[in-house]
Amino acid sequence: MKLDKTTKAAMQTGRQQATEVLAFRAKALKRRAKALNTHVKKLRAGAKSAKALEALPKTVTTAGVLIAEGDSWFDYPFHDILEMLEDDHGYDVESVAHKGDSAENMAYGDNQLEEFTRRIEKMIRRNTIPKAILLSAGGNDIAGDGFAMLLNHVRSSSAGLNEQIVAGVIDQRIQEAYFAILSAVTTVCESLIGHALPILLHGYDYPVPDGRGFLGGLSFLPGPWLEPGFREKGFDNLKQNTGVVEVLINRFNAMVKRVSQAPGFEHVKFIDLRNTLTTGPNYKDLWANEMHPTGKGFSLVTDRFVQALQKL
């Protein structure tokens, strides 16, 4: 992928974000050092505590330490990819992911980047370097309240996805956010650790826009995220709508893969999750709703992450 002027500007934005956060954290670390110098006292464990500590294993084993930034695929009630990486595969995960966050929020807001930087600092204090960074972003940018804007009305002469709007959202807006996020995270790692860490990105699999939200779609709970947009634009054929979403997901995955292959991002890897789940007759076994897998579905998706991590 050739870096055009807009892409270079997005990367510079990410580096600038990182520089500002690092400067903010440098001041905070000075305050921390002063506090430690003034207030730290040696703490003596009581007899029971000492006995308990003595009984603990002398070594702690882990498949690797990971740090994650992202959306609800990394922060979902009951089960998500990060929980399964820990519980089912033995990784230790530090997460700053937050359900509902868009790629733009991650790119241009300071919250996740600052907390990410804090986690890196803590790991360094414990003499630990993460095996990899995991990033999940973009699902909230193409679904939800803005999804209908991606569609031309079913009765229009060009029914279906609006090419110009889709290109603007995925190939420009979200792509620029990805470049900003990756540049920021890379800059933080280079500054604090001395080198870039492997970063794993993923696209999404093909969902079925059947109108199911969280826990079935009660009015006061999140979702659905796709069917209302189709209904607003006159689409009422589930098979046809599923095909439209498939085209959109392919477009999104192509963008993420393209970003991972950009010059300077040799440490960035793309995980293709398409066809891990299913849109067939039994799709509800693997899809809990329009946007999120079931526990069984998340387990299959997590296996794909493990395969990518093992290749590192």
Protein backbone atom coordinates (compact mmCIF):
# COMPACT_ATOMS: atom_id res chain seq x y z
CA MET A 1 0.00 0.00 0.00
CA LYS A 2 1.41 3.37 -1.01
CA LEU A 3 1.11 6.04 1.65
CA ASP A 4 -0.65 9.11 0.30
CA LYS A 5 -0.70 12.56 1.88
CA THR A 6 -3.87 11.86 3.90
CA THR A 7 -2.50 8.59 5.28
CA LYS A 8 0.77 10.21 6.27
CA ALA A 9 -1.18 12.94 8.04
CA ALA A 10 -3.20 10.32 9.95
CA MET A 11 0.00 8.58 11.04
CA GLN A 12 1.44 11.91 12.15
CA THR A 13 -1.73 12.55 14.15
CA GLY A 14 -1.23 9.23 15.93
CA ARG A 15 2.40 9.98 16.70
CA GLN A 16 1.44 13.41 18.02
CA GLN A 17 -1.26 11.86 20.23
CA ALA A 18 1.36 9.49 21.60
CA THR A 19 3.84 12.30 22.21
CA GLU A 20 1.26 14.27 24.18
CA VAL A 21 0.25 11.25 26.26
CA LEU A 22 3.88 10.34 26.94
CA ALA A 23 4.58 13.90 28.11
CA PHE A 24 1.53 13.78 30.37
CA ARG A 25 2.62 10.43 31.78
CA ALA A 26 6.19 11.64 32.31
CA LYS A 27 4.88 14.33 34.66
CA ALA A 28 2.70 11.76 36.43
CA LEU A 29 5.67 9.43 36.87
CA LYS A 30 7.66 12.22 38.47
CA ARG A 31 4.86 12.71 41.00
CA ARG A 32 4.81 8.97 41.60
CA ALA A 33 8.56 8.89 42.19
CA LYS A 34 8.27 11.75 44.67
CA ALA A 35 5.43 9.99 46.49
CA LEU A 36 7.38 6.75 46.67
CA ASN A 37 10.43 8.53 48.02
CA THR A 38 8.34 10.24 50.70
CA HIS A 39 5.79 7.70 51.79
CA VAL A 40 6.87 4.13 51.04
CA LYS A 41 7.41 1.99 54.10
CA LYS A 42 8.43 -1.60 54.34
CA LEU A 43 5.40 -3.69 55.14
CA ARG A 44 5.70 -6.80 57.24
CA ALA A 45 3.28 -9.61 56.60
CA GLY A 46 1.56 -11.16 59.60
CA ALA A 47 2.12 -14.78 60.47
CA LYS A 48 -0.93 -15.96 58.56
CA SER A 49 -0.03 -13.87 55.52
CA ALA A 50 3.54 -15.12 55.54
CA LYS A 51 2.32 -18.70 55.73
CA ALA A 52 -0.06 -18.09 52.84
CA LEU A 53 2.70 -16.53 50.77
CA GLU A 54 4.96 -19.48 51.49
CA ALA A 55 2.35 -21.84 50.11
CA LEU A 56 2.15 -20.04 46.77
CA PRO A 57 3.96 -21.48 43.74
CA LYS A 58 7.52 -20.19 43.38
CA THR A 59 7.04 -19.56 39.68
CA VAL A 60 4.08 -18.30 37.67
CA THR A 61 3.53 -19.82 34.24
CA THR A 62 1.77 -18.10 31.35
CA ALA A 63 1.40 -18.59 27.64
CA GLY A 64 2.34 -14.92 27.31
CA VAL A 65 1.29 -11.47 28.44
CA LEU A 66 -0.92 -9.51 26.06
CA ILE A 67 -2.29 -5.98 26.09
CA ALA A 68 -5.56 -5.21 24.33
CA GLU A 69 -7.31 -2.11 23.06
CA GLY A 70 -10.71 -2.28 21.47
CA ASP A 71 -14.47 -2.62 21.48
CA SER A 72 -17.10 -5.13 22.64
CA TRP A 73 -15.44 -8.16 21.03
CA PHE A 74 -12.84 -7.62 23.75
CA ASP A 75 -15.32 -6.37 26.38
CA TYR A 76 -18.55 -8.37 26.33
CA PRO A 77 -20.67 -9.61 29.25
CA PHE A 78 -20.34 -13.30 30.17
CA HIS A 79 -17.69 -14.15 27.59
CA ASP A 80 -15.36 -12.47 25.10
CA ILE A 81 -12.08 -13.13 23.30
CA LEU A 82 -9.86 -11.80 26.10
CA GLU A 83 -11.53 -13.85 28.83
CA MET A 84 -11.13 -16.99 26.75
CA LEU A 85 -7.49 -16.23 25.98
CA GLU A 86 -6.91 -16.17 29.74
CA ASP A 87 -9.18 -18.97 30.96
CA ASP A 88 -8.95 -21.42 28.07
CA HIS A 89 -5.48 -20.77 26.67
CA GLY A 90 -3.34 -19.57 29.59
CA TYR A 91 -2.52 -16.02 28.49
CA ASP A 92 -2.46 -13.04 30.84
CA VAL A 93 -4.27 -10.07 29.33
CA GLU A 94 -4.12 -6.42 30.31
CA SER A 95 -7.09 -4.68 28.68
CA VAL A 96 -8.14 -1.08 28.08
CA ALA A 97 -10.96 -2.15 25.74
CA HIS A 98 -14.42 -0.67 26.22
CA LYS A 99 -17.64 -1.85 24.61
CA GLY A 100 -19.24 0.73 22.38
CA ASP A 101 -16.04 2.57 21.51
CA SER A 102 -15.61 3.49 17.86
CA ALA A 103 -12.33 3.47 15.97
CA GLU A 104 -12.45 7.27 15.90
CA ASN A 105 -12.81 7.42 19.69
CA MET A 106 -9.78 5.18 20.06
CA ALA A 107 -7.80 7.21 17.55
CA TYR A 108 -8.56 10.74 18.63
CA GLY A 109 -9.66 10.45 22.25
CA ASP A 110 -7.02 10.17 24.95
CA ASN A 111 -8.71 7.67 27.26
CA GLN A 112 -7.66 4.31 25.78
CA LEU A 113 -4.23 5.53 24.70
CA GLU A 114 -3.40 6.98 28.11
CA GLU A 115 -4.59 3.85 29.89
CA PHE A 116 -2.65 1.74 27.38
CA THR A 117 0.46 3.73 28.23
CA ARG A 118 -0.16 3.20 31.96
CA ARG A 119 -0.39 -0.55 31.43
CA ILE A 120 2.90 -0.59 29.54
CA GLU A 121 4.53 1.35 32.40
CA LYS A 122 3.25 -1.15 34.96
CA MET A 123 4.54 -4.07 32.94
CA ILE A 124 7.97 -2.50 32.68
CA ARG A 125 8.04 -2.03 36.47
CA ARG A 126 7.36 -5.76 36.77
CA ASN A 127 10.12 -6.59 34.26
CA THR A 128 7.51 -7.87 31.81
CA ILE A 129 7.28 -7.16 28.10
CA PRO A 130 4.00 -8.06 26.31
CA LYS A 131 4.11 -10.80 23.72
CA ALA A 132 1.72 -8.82 21.51
CA ILE A 133 -0.86 -6.06 21.33
CA LEU A 134 -4.40 -6.90 20.24
CA LEU A 135 -6.63 -4.34 18.52
CA SER A 136 -10.36 -4.65 17.82
CA ALA A 137 -11.92 -1.59 16.19
CA GLY A 138 -14.41 -0.42 13.59
CA GLY A 139 -17.56 -2.44 14.22
CA ASN A 140 -19.25 0.46 15.97
CA ASP A 141 -18.34 2.77 13.09
CA ILE A 142 -20.32 0.84 10.47
CA ALA A 143 -23.26 -0.41 12.56
CA GLY A 144 -25.83 1.15 14.85
CA ASP A 145 -27.49 4.52 14.32
CA GLY A 146 -25.39 5.36 11.26
CA PHE A 147 -25.89 2.10 9.39
CA ALA A 148 -28.88 3.32 7.37
CA MET A 149 -26.69 6.08 5.91
CA LEU A 150 -24.68 3.39 4.12
CA LEU A 151 -27.77 2.23 2.20
CA ASN A 152 -29.68 3.54 -0.79
CA HIS A 153 -33.43 2.92 -0.52
CA VAL A 154 -34.66 -0.41 -1.89
CA ARG A 155 -36.85 1.44 -4.45
CA SER A 156 -34.05 3.65 -5.73
CA SER A 157 -32.31 2.96 -9.02
CA SER A 158 -29.16 1.98 -7.13
CA ALA A 159 -30.61 0.02 -4.22
CA GLY A 160 -28.16 -1.41 -1.70
CA LEU A 161 -24.87 -0.08 -0.38
CA ASN A 162 -24.01 3.46 -1.41
CA GLU A 163 -20.51 3.11 -2.83
CA GLN A 164 -19.45 6.69 -2.19
CA ILE A 165 -20.58 6.70 1.44
CA VAL A 166 -19.10 3.24 2.14
CA ALA A 167 -15.79 4.36 0.64
CA GLY A 168 -15.84 7.51 2.73
CA VAL A 169 -16.60 5.65 5.96
CA ILE A 170 -14.41 2.55 5.57
CA ASP A 171 -11.66 3.48 3.15
CA GLN A 172 -11.18 6.98 4.48
CA ARG A 173 -12.61 7.62 7.95
CA ILE A 174 -11.97 4.25 9.60
CA GLN A 175 -8.76 3.64 7.68
CA GLU A 176 -7.34 6.97 8.85
CA ALA A 177 -8.35 6.09 12.41
CA TYR A 178 -6.51 2.79 12.12
CA PHE A 179 -3.36 4.52 10.91
CA ALA A 180 -3.60 6.98 13.80
CA ILE A 181 -4.14 4.23 16.41
CA LEU A 182 -1.35 2.02 15.11
CA SER A 183 1.09 4.92 14.86
CA ALA A 184 0.24 6.07 18.40
CA VAL A 185 0.60 2.60 19.94
CA THR A 186 3.82 1.95 18.04
CA THR A 187 5.28 5.28 19.17
CA VAL A 188 4.45 4.54 22.82
CA CYS A 189 6.14 1.13 22.61
CA GLU A 190 9.20 2.50 20.88
CA SER A 191 9.51 5.23 23.50
CA LEU A 192 8.99 3.06 26.60
CA ILE A 193 10.32 -0.33 25.49
CA GLY A 194 12.75 0.62 22.76
CA HIS A 195 11.10 -1.23 19.91
CA ALA A 196 7.72 -1.94 18.36
CA LEU A 197 5.67 -4.89 19.58
CA PRO A 198 3.66 -7.24 17.33
CA ILE A 199 0.14 -5.89 16.82
CA LEU A 200 -2.69 -8.23 15.82
CA LEU A 201 -5.69 -6.73 14.00
CA HIS A 202 -8.89 -8.49 13.06
CA GLY A 203 -11.80 -7.90 10.78
CA TYR A 204 -15.23 -9.29 11.65
CA ASP A 205 -17.10 -12.35 10.48
CA TYR A 206 -20.41 -12.25 8.59
CA PRO A 207 -23.35 -11.48 10.91
CA VAL A 208 -27.04 -12.07 10.18
CA PRO A 209 -29.14 -8.86 10.43
CA ASP A 210 -32.14 -10.58 12.01
CA GLY A 211 -33.11 -7.83 14.46
CA ARG A 212 -31.72 -9.48 17.60
CA GLY A 213 -30.00 -7.22 20.11
CA PHE A 214 -28.31 -7.96 23.41
CA LEU A 215 -30.28 -10.63 25.34
CA GLY A 216 -32.83 -10.77 22.56
CA GLY A 217 -33.18 -7.05 21.98
CA LEU A 218 -35.22 -5.68 24.85
CA SER A 219 -35.91 -1.98 24.29
CA PHE A 220 -33.69 -0.80 27.14
CA LEU A 221 -30.70 -2.93 26.07
CA PRO A 222 -28.18 -2.37 23.24
CA GLY A 223 -29.10 -3.41 19.71
CA PRO A 224 -30.19 -4.36 17.20
CA TRP A 225 -27.59 -2.60 15.10
CA LEU A 226 -28.39 -3.55 11.48
CA GLU A 227 -32.03 -4.54 10.90
CA PRO A 228 -33.47 -1.11 11.82
CA GLY A 229 -31.35 0.48 9.10
CA PHE A 230 -32.53 -2.04 6.53
CA ARG A 231 -36.14 -1.52 7.60
CA GLU A 232 -35.77 2.27 7.34
CA LYS A 233 -34.62 1.90 3.74
CA GLY A 234 -37.36 -0.59 2.80
CA PHE A 235 -35.38 -3.85 2.86
CA ASP A 236 -37.31 -6.77 4.38
CA ASN A 237 -35.68 -9.87 2.87
CA LEU A 238 -33.32 -11.44 5.43
CA LYS A 239 -31.36 -13.47 2.86
CA GLN A 240 -30.87 -10.41 0.68
CA ASN A 241 -29.90 -8.27 3.67
CA THR A 242 -27.39 -10.88 4.84
CA GLY A 243 -25.77 -10.70 1.40
CA VAL A 244 -25.49 -6.91 1.65
CA VAL A 245 -23.82 -7.19 5.06
CA GLU A 246 -21.41 -9.79 3.64
CA VAL A 247 -20.29 -7.30 0.99
CA LEU A 248 -19.81 -4.65 3.69
CA ILE A 249 -17.78 -7.00 5.90
CA ASN A 250 -15.60 -7.99 2.95
CA ARG A 251 -14.95 -4.33 2.27
CA PHE A 252 -14.04 -3.75 5.92
CA ASN A 253 -11.67 -6.74 6.03
CA ALA A 254 -9.95 -5.63 2.84
CA MET A 255 -9.27 -2.26 4.45
CA VAL A 256 -7.84 -3.77 7.65
CA LYS A 257 -5.62 -6.14 5.66
CA ARG A 258 -4.44 -3.25 3.49
CA VAL A 259 -3.50 -1.23 6.56
CA SER A 260 -1.55 -4.16 8.03
CA GLN A 261 0.56 -4.30 4.87
CA ALA A 262 1.46 -0.60 4.81
CA PRO A 263 5.13 0.45 4.89
CA GLY A 264 6.38 0.84 8.45
CA PHE A 265 3.81 -1.61 9.82
CA GLU A 266 5.86 -4.77 9.38
CA HIS A 267 5.05 -5.63 13.01
CA VAL A 268 1.29 -5.50 12.30
CA LYS A 269 -0.54 -8.75 11.46
CA PHE A 270 -4.08 -9.28 10.16
CA ILE A 271 -6.33 -12.10 11.43
CA ASP A 272 -9.05 -13.00 8.93
CA LEU A 273 -12.05 -14.24 10.93
CA ARG A 274 -14.43 -14.65 8.01
CA ASN A 275 -16.18 -18.04 7.78
CA THR A 276 -15.17 -18.92 11.34
CA LEU A 277 -18.85 -18.68 12.28
CA THR A 278 -21.81 -19.32 9.95
CA THR A 279 -24.81 -17.65 8.36
CA GLY A 280 -26.45 -21.02 7.68
CA PRO A 281 -29.64 -22.47 9.21
CA ASN A 282 -28.00 -23.00 12.62
CA TYR A 283 -26.35 -19.58 12.79
CA LYS A 284 -27.95 -18.78 16.16
CA ASP A 285 -25.75 -21.46 17.74
CA LEU A 286 -22.77 -19.23 17.01
CA TRP A 287 -24.28 -15.72 16.81
CA ALA A 288 -25.89 -14.41 20.02
CA ASN A 289 -27.20 -11.34 18.19
CA GLU A 290 -26.49 -9.20 15.13
CA MET A 291 -23.03 -8.18 16.29
CA HIS A 292 -21.68 -10.67 18.83
CA PRO A 293 -21.00 -14.41 18.89
CA THR A 294 -22.33 -16.82 21.47
CA GLY A 295 -19.92 -18.41 23.94
CA LYS A 296 -19.33 -21.22 21.44
CA GLY A 297 -18.83 -18.69 18.67
CA PHE A 298 -16.38 -16.61 20.69
CA SER A 299 -14.46 -19.81 21.46
CA LEU A 300 -14.00 -20.50 17.73
CA VAL A 301 -12.92 -16.90 17.12
CA THR A 302 -10.47 -17.06 20.03
CA ASP A 303 -8.88 -20.16 18.52
CA ARG A 304 -7.99 -18.06 15.48
CA PHE A 305 -6.23 -15.54 17.73
CA VAL A 306 -4.30 -18.34 19.43
CA GLN A 307 -3.14 -19.65 16.06
CA ALA A 308 -1.87 -16.18 15.14
CA LEU A 309 -0.17 -15.73 18.52
CA GLN A 310 1.59 -19.06 18.24
CA LYS A 311 3.03 -18.02 14.89
CA LEU A 312 4.74 -15.09 16.62
